[in-house]
């Protein structure tokens, strides 16, 4: 289950879940959404566009692992813990805008893998809903 943080738009602000082919925005009565809003991206997402992409720093994780290693094994543990903590793959976060076929929009933030899935779905939907020009090309 992938999460998308909804920052602005026509949907409830907060965490939405993208799973099993559905994008679920949980109900937020204080924001005017009495029921969950459920969107089927395969049928409804027509565009996504990245606005920013950032890599999360692993410095904090390396420092934590180094301190833990130092406490357990002394100076050698400090060095090894720091190296192992820094070896983790960095996490990329993408802030993007999404548009549905009915015109509703949102600004969201998610991991790069989830963004890539939504981007592929939007591309497929654009191709499916494209109107050929006068020469028959899309």
C-alpha atoms as a PDB file:
ATOM      1  CA  UNK A   1       0.000   0.000   0.000  1.00  0.00           C
ATOM      2  CA  UNK A   2       1.498   3.310  -1.078  1.00  0.00           C
ATOM      3  CA  UNK A   3       0.690   6.605   0.535  1.00  0.00           C
ATOM      4  CA  UNK A   4       0.241  10.017  -1.017  1.00  0.00           C
ATOM      5  CA  UNK A   5       0.237  13.136   1.136  1.00  0.00           C
ATOM      6  CA  UNK A   6      -2.434  15.466  -0.275  1.00  0.00           C
ATOM      7  CA  UNK A   7      -1.238  19.058   0.167  1.00  0.00           C
ATOM      8  CA  UNK A   8      -3.939  21.004  -1.725  1.00  0.00           C
ATOM      9  CA  UNK A   9      -6.760  20.650  -4.211  1.00  0.00           C
ATOM     10  CA  UNK A  10     -10.267  19.265  -4.607  1.00  0.00           C
ATOM     11  CA  UNK A  11      -9.779  16.336  -2.207  1.00  0.00           C
ATOM     12  CA  UNK A  12      -9.405  15.964   1.577  1.00  0.00           C
ATOM     13  CA  UNK A  13      -6.007  17.097   2.816  1.00  0.00           C
ATOM     14  CA  UNK A  14      -3.893  14.477   4.531  1.00  0.00           C
ATOM     15  CA  UNK A  15      -2.856  10.946   3.664  1.00  0.00           C
ATOM     16  CA  UNK A  16      -4.467   9.103   0.737  1.00  0.00           C
ATOM     17  CA  UNK A  17      -3.785   5.420   0.063  1.00  0.00           C
ATOM     18  CA  UNK A  18      -2.991   3.991  -3.380  1.00  0.00           C
ATOM     19  CA  UNK A  19      -3.618   0.240  -3.356  1.00  0.00           C
ATOM     20  CA  UNK A  20      -5.302  -2.488  -5.398  1.00  0.00           C
ATOM     21  CA  UNK A  21      -5.953  -0.129  -8.286  1.00  0.00           C
ATOM     22  CA  UNK A  22      -7.753   2.453  -6.129  1.00  0.00           C
ATOM     23  CA  UNK A  23      -6.777   5.831  -4.752  1.00  0.00           C
ATOM     24  CA  UNK A  24      -8.688   6.362  -1.489  1.00  0.00           C
ATOM     25  CA  UNK A  25      -8.950   9.781   0.133  1.00  0.00           C
ATOM     26  CA  UNK A  26     -10.267   9.184   3.689  1.00  0.00           C
ATOM     27  CA  UNK A  27     -13.285  11.124   4.922  1.00  0.00           C
ATOM     28  CA  UNK A  28     -12.597  14.432   6.646  1.00  0.00           C
ATOM     29  CA  UNK A  29     -15.901  15.894   7.907  1.00  0.00           C
ATOM     30  CA  UNK A  30     -14.212  19.098   9.138  1.00  0.00           C
ATOM     31  CA  UNK A  31     -13.007  19.692   5.570  1.00  0.00           C
ATOM     32  CA  UNK A  32     -16.463  19.011   4.095  1.00  0.00           C
ATOM     33  CA  UNK A  33     -15.874  15.389   3.051  1.00  0.00           C
ATOM     34  CA  UNK A  34     -18.415  13.225   4.903  1.00  0.00           C
ATOM     35  CA  UNK A  35     -17.448  10.005   3.061  1.00  0.00           C
ATOM     36  CA  UNK A  36     -14.250   8.491   1.687  1.00  0.00           C
ATOM     37  CA  UNK A  37     -13.523   9.683  -1.835  1.00  0.00           C
ATOM     38  CA  UNK A  38     -12.512   6.737  -4.027  1.00  0.00           C
ATOM     39  CA  UNK A  39     -10.873   7.246  -7.420  1.00  0.00           C
ATOM     40  CA  UNK A  40      -9.942   4.535  -9.898  1.00  0.00           C
ATOM     41  CA  UNK A  41      -6.768   5.948 -11.507  1.00  0.00           C
ATOM     42  CA  UNK A  42      -6.959   3.562 -14.496  1.00  0.00           C
ATOM     43  CA  UNK A  43     -10.225   5.268 -15.499  1.00  0.00           C
ATOM     44  CA  UNK A  44      -9.914   8.771 -14.094  1.00  0.00           C
ATOM     45  CA  UNK A  45      -6.334  10.138 -13.916  1.00  0.00           C
ATOM     46  CA  UNK A  46      -5.518  12.082 -17.072  1.00  0.00           C
ATOM     47  CA  UNK A  47      -2.363  13.973 -16.060  1.00  0.00           C
ATOM     48  CA  UNK A  48       0.378  14.067 -13.435  1.00  0.00           C
ATOM     49  CA  UNK A  49       3.291  16.464 -13.467  1.00  0.00           C
ATOM     50  CA  UNK A  50       6.228  16.553 -11.086  1.00  0.00           C
ATOM     51  CA  UNK A  51       6.826  19.943  -9.510  1.00  0.00           C
ATOM     52  CA  UNK A  52       9.830  19.008  -7.329  1.00  0.00           C
ATOM     53  CA  UNK A  53      11.915  15.959  -6.603  1.00  0.00           C
ATOM     54  CA  UNK A  54      14.108  15.646  -3.532  1.00  0.00           C
ATOM     55  CA  UNK A  55      16.332  13.031  -2.018  1.00  0.00           C
ATOM     56  CA  UNK A  56      16.005  12.449   1.721  1.00  0.00           C
ATOM     57  CA  UNK A  57      19.243  12.847   3.617  1.00  0.00           C
ATOM     58  CA  UNK A  58      20.703   9.688   5.100  1.00  0.00           C
ATOM     59  CA  UNK A  59      23.011  11.599   7.415  1.00  0.00           C
ATOM     60  CA  UNK A  60      20.654  11.135  10.383  1.00  0.00           C
ATOM     61  CA  UNK A  61      20.416   7.378   9.820  1.00  0.00           C
ATOM     62  CA  UNK A  62      24.201   7.068   9.525  1.00  0.00           C
ATOM     63  CA  UNK A  63      24.697   9.068  12.719  1.00  0.00           C
ATOM     64  CA  UNK A  64      22.179   6.923  14.622  1.00  0.00           C
ATOM     65  CA  UNK A  65      23.807   3.695  13.447  1.00  0.00           C
ATOM     66  CA  UNK A  66      27.262   5.071  14.305  1.00  0.00           C
ATOM     67  CA  UNK A  67      26.255   6.018  17.831  1.00  0.00           C
ATOM     68  CA  UNK A  68      24.609   2.647  18.412  1.00  0.00           C
ATOM     69  CA  UNK A  69      27.686   0.849  17.081  1.00  0.00           C
ATOM     70  CA  UNK A  70      29.956   3.040  19.224  1.00  0.00           C
ATOM     71  CA  UNK A  71      27.989   2.239  22.359  1.00  0.00           C
ATOM     72  CA  UNK A  72      28.105  -1.487  21.659  1.00  0.00           C
ATOM     73  CA  UNK A  73      31.575  -1.966  20.201  1.00  0.00           C
ATOM     74  CA  UNK A  74      33.545   1.196  20.918  1.00  0.00           C
ATOM     75  CA  UNK A  75      35.428   3.197  18.242  1.00  0.00           C
ATOM     76  CA  UNK A  76      35.407   0.376  15.680  1.00  0.00           C
ATOM     77  CA  UNK A  77      31.633  -0.002  16.142  1.00  0.00           C
ATOM     78  CA  UNK A  78      31.227   3.752  15.661  1.00  0.00           C
ATOM     79  CA  UNK A  79      32.934   3.628  12.271  1.00  0.00           C
ATOM     80  CA  UNK A  80      31.221   0.414  11.120  1.00  0.00           C
ATOM     81  CA  UNK A  81      27.806   1.583  12.290  1.00  0.00           C
ATOM     82  CA  UNK A  82      28.209   4.889  10.460  1.00  0.00           C
ATOM     83  CA  UNK A  83      29.258   3.141   7.253  1.00  0.00           C
ATOM     84  CA  UNK A  84      26.388   0.655   7.403  1.00  0.00           C
ATOM     85  CA  UNK A  85      23.859   3.378   8.192  1.00  0.00           C
ATOM     86  CA  UNK A  86      25.055   5.488   5.263  1.00  0.00           C
ATOM     87  CA  UNK A  87      24.923   2.519   2.881  1.00  0.00           C
ATOM     88  CA  UNK A  88      21.104   2.603   2.720  1.00  0.00           C
ATOM     89  CA  UNK A  89      19.605   3.601  -0.609  1.00  0.00           C
ATOM     90  CA  UNK A  90      18.415   7.235  -0.499  1.00  0.00           C
ATOM     91  CA  UNK A  91      14.656   7.804  -0.652  1.00  0.00           C
ATOM     92  CA  UNK A  92      13.379  10.128  -3.358  1.00  0.00           C
ATOM     93  CA  UNK A  93      10.196  12.090  -2.727  1.00  0.00           C
ATOM     94  CA  UNK A  94       8.228  13.668  -5.579  1.00  0.00           C
ATOM     95  CA  UNK A  95       5.804  16.560  -5.189  1.00  0.00           C
ATOM     96  CA  UNK A  96       3.376  16.554  -8.119  1.00  0.00           C
ATOM     97  CA  UNK A  97       0.073  17.844  -9.420  1.00  0.00           C
ATOM     98  CA  UNK A  98      -2.608  15.420 -10.552  1.00  0.00           C
ATOM     99  CA  UNK A  99      -5.648  16.057 -12.756  1.00  0.00           C
ATOM    100  CA  UNK A 100      -8.662  13.817 -13.255  1.00  0.00           C
ATOM    101  CA  UNK A 101     -10.785  13.578 -16.386  1.00  0.00           C
ATOM    102  CA  UNK A 102     -13.648  15.420 -14.634  1.00  0.00           C
ATOM    103  CA  UNK A 103     -11.349  18.410 -13.927  1.00  0.00           C
ATOM    104  CA  UNK A 104     -10.694  17.793 -10.216  1.00  0.00           C
ATOM    105  CA  UNK A 105      -7.077  18.444  -9.231  1.00  0.00           C
ATOM    106  CA  UNK A 106      -4.714  17.856  -6.332  1.00  0.00           C
ATOM    107  CA  UNK A 107      -1.162  18.556  -5.226  1.00  0.00           C
ATOM    108  CA  UNK A 108       0.468  15.517  -3.671  1.00  0.00           C
ATOM    109  CA  UNK A 109       3.759  14.205  -2.340  1.00  0.00           C
ATOM    110  CA  UNK A 110       4.821  10.561  -2.610  1.00  0.00           C
ATOM    111  CA  UNK A 111       7.779   8.262  -3.243  1.00  0.00           C
ATOM    112  CA  UNK A 112       9.259   8.017  -6.735  1.00  0.00           C
ATOM    113  CA  UNK A 113       7.931   4.481  -7.396  1.00  0.00           C
ATOM    114  CA  UNK A 114       4.314   5.500  -6.708  1.00  0.00           C
ATOM    115  CA  UNK A 115       4.719   8.652  -8.812  1.00  0.00           C
ATOM    116  CA  UNK A 116       6.063   6.537 -11.706  1.00  0.00           C
ATOM    117  CA  UNK A 117       2.996   4.251 -11.515  1.00  0.00           C
ATOM    118  CA  UNK A 118       0.625   7.227 -11.610  1.00  0.00           C
ATOM    119  CA  UNK A 119       2.597   8.777 -14.463  1.00  0.00           C
ATOM    120  CA  UNK A 120       2.317   5.554 -16.506  1.00  0.00           C
ATOM    121  CA  UNK A 121      -1.430   5.370 -15.855  1.00  0.00           C
ATOM    122  CA  UNK A 122      -1.896   9.004 -16.912  1.00  0.00           C
ATOM    123  CA  UNK A 123       0.121   8.448 -20.086  1.00  0.00           C
ATOM    124  CA  UNK A 124      -1.981   5.405 -20.953  1.00  0.00           C
ATOM    125  CA  UNK A 125      -5.192   7.343 -20.314  1.00  0.00           C
ATOM    126  CA  UNK A 126      -4.013  10.263 -22.452  1.00  0.00           C
ATOM    127  CA  UNK A 127      -3.286   7.870 -25.316  1.00  0.00           C
ATOM    128  CA  UNK A 128      -6.654   6.156 -24.858  1.00  0.00           C
ATOM    129  CA  UNK A 129      -8.586   9.452 -24.817  1.00  0.00           C
ATOM    130  CA  UNK A 130      -6.544  11.228 -27.497  1.00  0.00           C
ATOM    131  CA  UNK A 131      -8.314  12.650 -30.514  1.00  0.00           C
ATOM    132  CA  UNK A 132      -6.642  11.964 -33.872  1.00  0.00           C
ATOM    133  CA  UNK A 133      -5.701  14.999 -35.931  1.00  0.00           C
ATOM    134  CA  UNK A 134      -6.821  15.525 -39.540  1.00  0.00           C
ATOM    135  CA  UNK A 135      -4.163  13.081 -40.791  1.00  0.00           C
ATOM    136  CA  UNK A 136      -5.263  10.324 -38.427  1.00  0.00           C
ATOM    137  CA  UNK A 137      -2.276  10.725 -36.089  1.00  0.00           C
ATOM    138  CA  UNK A 138      -2.656  11.188 -32.352  1.00  0.00           C
END
